[in-house]
């Protein structure tokens, strides 16, 4: 393997590594757009805020 071949190989690998995160980021944003966004309370604390709100709402309707 000559020096020119080695430089060409290293350059190709470097370009692939540089372009790879952009491709992954583009794929990730496409899949996120299709998902329904969750409220911040659910995203941060799980289903506990939902359970509390349902409990409070049920108590208000029974009174």
PDB file of N, CA and C in Angstrom:
ATOM      1  N   UNK A   1       0.858  -1.171   0.000  1.00  0.00           N
ATOM      2  CA  UNK A   1       0.000   0.000   0.000  1.00  0.00           C
ATOM      3  C   UNK A   1       0.904   1.233   0.000  1.00  0.00           C
ATOM      4  N   UNK A   2       0.714   2.069  -0.982  1.00  0.00           N
ATOM      5  CA  UNK A   2       1.537   3.272  -1.064  1.00  0.00           C
ATOM      6  C   UNK A   2       0.985   4.356  -0.148  1.00  0.00           C
ATOM      7  N   UNK A   3       1.778   5.359   0.029  1.00  0.00           N
ATOM      8  CA  UNK A   3       1.392   6.455   0.917  1.00  0.00           C
ATOM      9  C   UNK A   3       0.135   7.159   0.409  1.00  0.00           C
ATOM     10  N   UNK A   4       0.003   7.348  -0.893  1.00  0.00           N
ATOM     11  CA  UNK A   4      -1.172   8.006  -1.463  1.00  0.00           C
ATOM     12  C   UNK A   4      -2.442   7.189  -1.205  1.00  0.00           C
ATOM     13  N   UNK A   5      -2.341   5.879  -1.319  1.00  0.00           N
ATOM     14  CA  UNK A   5      -3.491   5.026  -1.035  1.00  0.00           C
ATOM     15  C   UNK A   5      -3.901   5.129   0.433  1.00  0.00           C
ATOM     16  N   UNK A   6      -2.908   5.167   1.292  1.00  0.00           N
ATOM     17  CA  UNK A   6      -3.187   5.278   2.731  1.00  0.00           C
ATOM     18  C   UNK A   6      -3.870   6.604   3.056  1.00  0.00           C
ATOM     19  N   UNK A   7      -3.384   7.690   2.485  1.00  0.00           N
ATOM     20  CA  UNK A   7      -3.988   9.009   2.711  1.00  0.00           C
ATOM     21  C   UNK A   7      -5.415   9.033   2.180  1.00  0.00           C
ATOM     22  N   UNK A   8      -5.640   8.432   1.035  1.00  0.00           N
ATOM     23  CA  UNK A   8      -6.980   8.378   0.462  1.00  0.00           C
ATOM     24  C   UNK A   8      -7.924   7.588   1.369  1.00  0.00           C
ATOM     25  N   UNK A   9      -7.472   6.448   1.883  1.00  0.00           N
ATOM     26  CA  UNK A   9      -8.284   5.633   2.779  1.00  0.00           C
ATOM     27  C   UNK A   9      -8.627   6.386   4.058  1.00  0.00           C
ATOM     28  N   UNK A  10      -7.640   7.012   4.669  1.00  0.00           N
ATOM     29  CA  UNK A  10      -7.865   7.757   5.916  1.00  0.00           C
ATOM     30  C   UNK A  10      -8.818   8.923   5.680  1.00  0.00           C
ATOM     31  N   UNK A  11      -8.679   9.599   4.558  1.00  0.00           N
ATOM     32  CA  UNK A  11      -9.564  10.722   4.232  1.00  0.00           C
ATOM     33  C   UNK A  11     -11.002  10.256   4.051  1.00  0.00           C
ATOM     34  N   UNK A  12     -11.201   9.143   3.370  1.00  0.00           N
ATOM     35  CA  UNK A  12     -12.553   8.613   3.174  1.00  0.00           C
ATOM     36  C   UNK A  12     -13.195   8.231   4.509  1.00  0.00           C
ATOM     37  N   UNK A  13     -12.429   7.601   5.377  1.00  0.00           N
ATOM     38  CA  UNK A  13     -12.962   7.211   6.685  1.00  0.00           C
ATOM     39  C   UNK A  13     -13.310   8.434   7.520  1.00  0.00           C
ATOM     40  N   UNK A  14     -12.477   9.459   7.450  1.00  0.00           N
ATOM     41  CA  UNK A  14     -12.728  10.694   8.199  1.00  0.00           C
ATOM     42  C   UNK A  14     -14.003  11.375   7.710  1.00  0.00           C
ATOM     43  N   UNK A  15     -14.194  11.431   6.422  1.00  0.00           N
ATOM     44  CA  UNK A  15     -15.393  12.054   5.860  1.00  0.00           C
ATOM     45  C   UNK A  15     -16.642  11.266   6.266  1.00  0.00           C
ATOM     46  N   UNK A  16     -16.562   9.939   6.268  1.00  0.00           N
ATOM     47  CA  UNK A  16     -17.703   9.128   6.699  1.00  0.00           C
ATOM     48  C   UNK A  16     -18.058   9.410   8.152  1.00  0.00           C
ATOM     49  N   UNK A  17     -17.059   9.517   9.009  1.00  0.00           N
ATOM     50  CA  UNK A  17     -17.302   9.774  10.432  1.00  0.00           C
ATOM     51  C   UNK A  17     -17.871  11.167  10.658  1.00  0.00           C
ATOM     52  N   UNK A  18     -17.429  12.135   9.885  1.00  0.00           N
ATOM     53  CA  UNK A  18     -17.934  13.499  10.037  1.00  0.00           C
ATOM     54  C   UNK A  18     -19.385  13.586   9.578  1.00  0.00           C
ATOM     55  N   UNK A  19     -19.744  12.920   8.490  1.00  0.00           N
ATOM     56  CA  UNK A  19     -21.103  12.972   7.951  1.00  0.00           C
ATOM     57  C   UNK A  19     -22.079  12.108   8.728  1.00  0.00           C
ATOM     58  N   UNK A  20     -21.626  11.126   9.456  1.00  0.00           N
ATOM     59  CA  UNK A  20     -22.504  10.182  10.145  1.00  0.00           C
ATOM     60  C   UNK A  20     -23.422  10.821  11.193  1.00  0.00           C
ATOM     61  N   UNK A  21     -22.948  11.693  12.081  1.00  0.00           N
ATOM     62  CA  UNK A  21     -23.865  12.274  13.070  1.00  0.00           C
ATOM     63  C   UNK A  21     -24.997  13.080  12.442  1.00  0.00           C
ATOM     64  N   UNK A  22     -24.737  13.739  11.334  1.00  0.00           N
ATOM     65  CA  UNK A  22     -25.783  14.508  10.665  1.00  0.00           C
ATOM     66  C   UNK A  22     -26.891  13.589  10.179  1.00  0.00           C
ATOM     67  N   UNK A  23     -26.537  12.462   9.622  1.00  0.00           N
ATOM     68  CA  UNK A  23     -27.521  11.510   9.120  1.00  0.00           C
ATOM     69  C   UNK A  23     -28.332  10.961  10.284  1.00  0.00           C
ATOM     70  N   UNK A  24     -27.684  10.584  11.373  1.00  0.00           N
ATOM     71  CA  UNK A  24     -28.397  10.058  12.531  1.00  0.00           C
ATOM     72  C   UNK A  24     -29.319  11.108  13.121  1.00  0.00           C
ATOM     73  N   UNK A  25     -28.867  12.367  13.183  1.00  0.00           N
ATOM     74  CA  UNK A  25     -29.697  13.432  13.748  1.00  0.00           C
ATOM     75  C   UNK A  25     -30.923  13.671  12.871  1.00  0.00           C
ATOM     76  N   UNK A  26     -30.754  13.644  11.555  1.00  0.00           N
ATOM     77  CA  UNK A  26     -31.891  13.840  10.655  1.00  0.00           C
ATOM     78  C   UNK A  26     -32.909  12.715  10.811  1.00  0.00           C
ATOM     79  N   UNK A  27     -32.456  11.480  10.942  1.00  0.00           N
ATOM     80  CA  UNK A  27     -33.368  10.355  11.130  1.00  0.00           C
ATOM     81  C   UNK A  27     -34.092  10.469  12.462  1.00  0.00           C
ATOM     82  N   UNK A  28     -33.405  10.929  13.482  1.00  0.00           N
ATOM     83  CA  UNK A  28     -33.987  11.053  14.806  1.00  0.00           C
ATOM     84  C   UNK A  28     -35.072  12.130  14.823  1.00  0.00           C
ATOM     85  N   UNK A  29     -34.868  13.257  14.167  1.00  0.00           N
ATOM     86  CA  UNK A  29     -35.876  14.311  14.167  1.00  0.00           C
ATOM     87  C   UNK A  29     -37.104  13.891  13.369  1.00  0.00           C
ATOM     88  N   UNK A  30     -36.929  13.096  12.313  1.00  0.00           N
ATOM     89  CA  UNK A  30     -38.075  12.626  11.541  1.00  0.00           C
ATOM     90  C   UNK A  30     -38.964  11.718  12.376  1.00  0.00           C
ATOM     91  N   UNK A  31     -38.371  10.841  13.151  1.00  0.00           N
ATOM     92  CA  UNK A  31     -39.171   9.926  13.961  1.00  0.00           C
ATOM     93  C   UNK A  31     -39.828  10.656  15.125  1.00  0.00           C
ATOM     94  N   UNK A  32     -39.198  11.711  15.652  1.00  0.00           N
ATOM     95  CA  UNK A  32     -39.772  12.455  16.766  1.00  0.00           C
ATOM     96  C   UNK A  32     -40.969  13.283  16.334  1.00  0.00           C
ATOM     97  N   UNK A  33     -41.003  13.735  15.088  1.00  0.00           N
ATOM     98  CA  UNK A  33     -42.120  14.540  14.608  1.00  0.00           C
ATOM     99  C   UNK A  33     -43.408  13.716  14.559  1.00  0.00           C
ATOM    100  N   UNK A  34     -43.296  12.426  14.322  1.00  0.00           N
ATOM    101  CA  UNK A  34     -44.472  11.581  14.204  1.00  0.00           C
ATOM    102  C   UNK A  34     -45.090  11.268  15.563  1.00  0.00           C
ATOM    103  N   UNK A  35     -44.300  11.327  16.617  1.00  0.00           N
ATOM    104  CA  UNK A  35     -44.803  11.008  17.946  1.00  0.00           C
ATOM    105  C   UNK A  35     -45.596  12.173  18.508  1.00  0.00           C
ATOM    106  N   UNK A  36     -46.584  11.853  19.333  1.00  0.00           N
ATOM    107  CA  UNK A  36     -47.367  12.883  19.997  1.00  0.00           C
ATOM    108  C   UNK A  36     -46.549  13.402  21.169  1.00  0.00           C
ATOM    109  N   UNK A  37     -46.469  14.715  21.296  1.00  0.00           N
ATOM    110  CA  UNK A  37     -45.691  15.284  22.386  1.00  0.00           C
ATOM    111  C   UNK A  37     -46.451  15.137  23.686  1.00  0.00           C
ATOM    112  N   UNK A  38     -45.729  14.720  24.723  1.00  0.00           N
ATOM    113  CA  UNK A  38     -46.318  14.541  26.034  1.00  0.00           C
ATOM    114  C   UNK A  38     -46.250  15.846  26.803  1.00  0.00           C
ATOM    115  N   UNK A  39     -47.189  16.062  27.730  1.00  0.00           N
ATOM    116  CA  UNK A  39     -47.099  17.233  28.585  1.00  0.00           C
ATOM    117  C   UNK A  39     -45.818  17.180  29.420  1.00  0.00           C
ATOM    118  N   UNK A  40     -45.326  18.336  29.809  1.00  0.00           N
ATOM    119  CA  UNK A  40     -44.082  18.397  30.565  1.00  0.00           C
ATOM    120  C   UNK A  40     -44.198  17.659  31.886  1.00  0.00           C
ATOM    121  N   UNK A  41     -45.350  17.738  32.532  1.00  0.00           N
ATOM    122  CA  UNK A  41     -45.504  17.061  33.814  1.00  0.00           C
ATOM    123  C   UNK A  41     -45.372  15.547  33.654  1.00  0.00           C
ATOM    124  N   UNK A  42     -45.927  14.989  32.595  1.00  0.00           N
ATOM    125  CA  UNK A  42     -45.806  13.548  32.354  1.00  0.00           C
ATOM    126  C   UNK A  42     -44.390  13.175  31.960  1.00  0.00           C
ATOM    127  N   UNK A  43     -43.765  14.015  31.174  1.00  0.00           N
ATOM    128  CA  UNK A  43     -42.419  13.715  30.713  1.00  0.00           C
ATOM    129  C   UNK A  43     -41.431  13.765  31.876  1.00  0.00           C
ATOM    130  N   UNK A  44     -41.623  14.708  32.797  1.00  0.00           N
ATOM    131  CA  UNK A  44     -40.681  14.870  33.893  1.00  0.00           C
ATOM    132  C   UNK A  44     -40.953  13.908  35.043  1.00  0.00           C
ATOM    133  N   UNK A  45     -42.215  13.640  35.351  1.00  0.00           N
ATOM    134  CA  UNK A  45     -42.543  12.872  36.547  1.00  0.00           C
ATOM    135  C   UNK A  45     -43.290  11.577  36.271  1.00  0.00           C
ATOM    136  N   UNK A  46     -43.518  11.231  35.028  1.00  0.00           N
ATOM    137  CA  UNK A  46     -44.202   9.987  34.708  1.00  0.00           C
ATOM    138  C   UNK A  46     -45.712  10.138  34.802  1.00  0.00           C
ATOM    139  N   UNK A  47     -46.401   9.089  35.248  1.00  0.00           N
ATOM    140  CA  UNK A  47     -47.860   9.097  35.282  1.00  0.00           C
ATOM    141  C   UNK A  47     -48.402   9.554  36.626  1.00  0.00           C
ATOM    142  N   UNK A  48     -47.543   9.889  37.563  1.00  0.00           N
ATOM    143  CA  UNK A  48     -48.016  10.334  38.878  1.00  0.00           C
ATOM    144  C   UNK A  48     -48.878  11.594  38.774  1.00  0.00           C
ATOM    145  N   UNK A  49     -48.479  12.648  38.037  1.00  0.00           N
ATOM    146  CA  UNK A  49     -49.350  13.821  37.910  1.00  0.00           C
ATOM    147  C   UNK A  49     -50.701  13.491  37.267  1.00  0.00           C
ATOM    148  N   UNK A  50     -50.709  12.561  36.315  1.00  0.00           N
ATOM    149  CA  UNK A  50     -51.964  12.159  35.687  1.00  0.00           C
ATOM    150  C   UNK A  50     -52.878  11.497  36.712  1.00  0.00           C
ATOM    151  N   UNK A  51     -52.321  10.618  37.526  1.00  0.00           N
ATOM    152  CA  UNK A  51     -53.112   9.945  38.554  1.00  0.00           C
ATOM    153  C   UNK A  51     -53.673  10.920  39.571  1.00  0.00           C
ATOM    154  N   UNK A  52     -52.863  11.872  39.980  1.00  0.00           N
ATOM    155  CA  UNK A  52     -53.330  12.877  40.947  1.00  0.00           C
ATOM    156  C   UNK A  52     -54.430  13.722  40.343  1.00  0.00           C
ATOM    157  N   UNK A  53     -54.274  14.145  39.101  1.00  0.00           N
ATOM    158  CA  UNK A  53     -55.304  14.979  38.476  1.00  0.00           C
ATOM    159  C   UNK A  53     -56.603  14.200  38.296  1.00  0.00           C
ATOM    160  N   UNK A  54     -56.510  12.903  37.976  1.00  0.00           N
ATOM    161  CA  UNK A  54     -57.723  12.099  37.842  1.00  0.00           C
ATOM    162  C   UNK A  54     -58.405  11.927  39.200  1.00  0.00           C
ATOM    163  N   UNK A  55     -57.633  11.753  40.252  1.00  0.00           N
ATOM    164  CA  UNK A  55     -58.180  11.603  41.591  1.00  0.00           C
ATOM    165  C   UNK A  55     -58.888  12.882  42.031  1.00  0.00           C
ATOM    166  N   UNK A  56     -58.257  14.032  41.811  1.00  0.00           N
ATOM    167  CA  UNK A  56     -58.850  15.317  42.189  1.00  0.00           C
ATOM    168  C   UNK A  56     -60.106  15.575  41.366  1.00  0.00           C
ATOM    169  N   UNK A  57     -60.076  15.279  40.087  1.00  0.00           N
ATOM    170  CA  UNK A  57     -61.234  15.494  39.215  1.00  0.00           C
ATOM    171  C   UNK A  57     -62.409  14.598  39.648  1.00  0.00           C
ATOM    172  N   UNK A  58     -62.116  13.376  40.036  1.00  0.00           N
ATOM    173  CA  UNK A  58     -63.163  12.467  40.489  1.00  0.00           C
ATOM    174  C   UNK A  58     -63.790  12.968  41.785  1.00  0.00           C
ATOM    175  N   UNK A  59     -62.963  13.491  42.681  1.00  0.00           N
ATOM    176  CA  UNK A  59     -63.481  14.020  43.960  1.00  0.00           C
ATOM    177  C   UNK A  59     -64.390  15.235  43.713  1.00  0.00           C
ATOM    178  N   UNK A  60     -64.022  16.096  42.761  1.00  0.00           N
ATOM    179  CA  UNK A  60     -64.836  17.273  42.468  1.00  0.00           C
ATOM    180  C   UNK A  60     -66.178  16.875  41.879  1.00  0.00           C
ATOM    181  N   UNK A  61     -66.218  15.848  41.024  1.00  0.00           N
ATOM    182  CA  UNK A  61     -67.469  15.425  40.399  1.00  0.00           C
ATOM    183  C   UNK A  61     -68.387  14.704  41.390  1.00  0.00           C
ATOM    184  N   UNK A  62     -67.842  14.033  42.379  1.00  0.00           N
ATOM    185  CA  UNK A  62     -68.654  13.314  43.370  1.00  0.00           C
ATOM    186  C   UNK A  62     -69.252  14.254  44.402  1.00  0.00           C
ATOM    187  N   UNK A  63     -68.704  15.420  44.595  1.00  0.00           N
ATOM    188  CA  UNK A  63     -69.196  16.338  45.628  1.00  0.00           C
ATOM    189  C   UNK A  63     -70.426  17.082  45.215  1.00  0.00           C
TER     190      UNK A  63
END
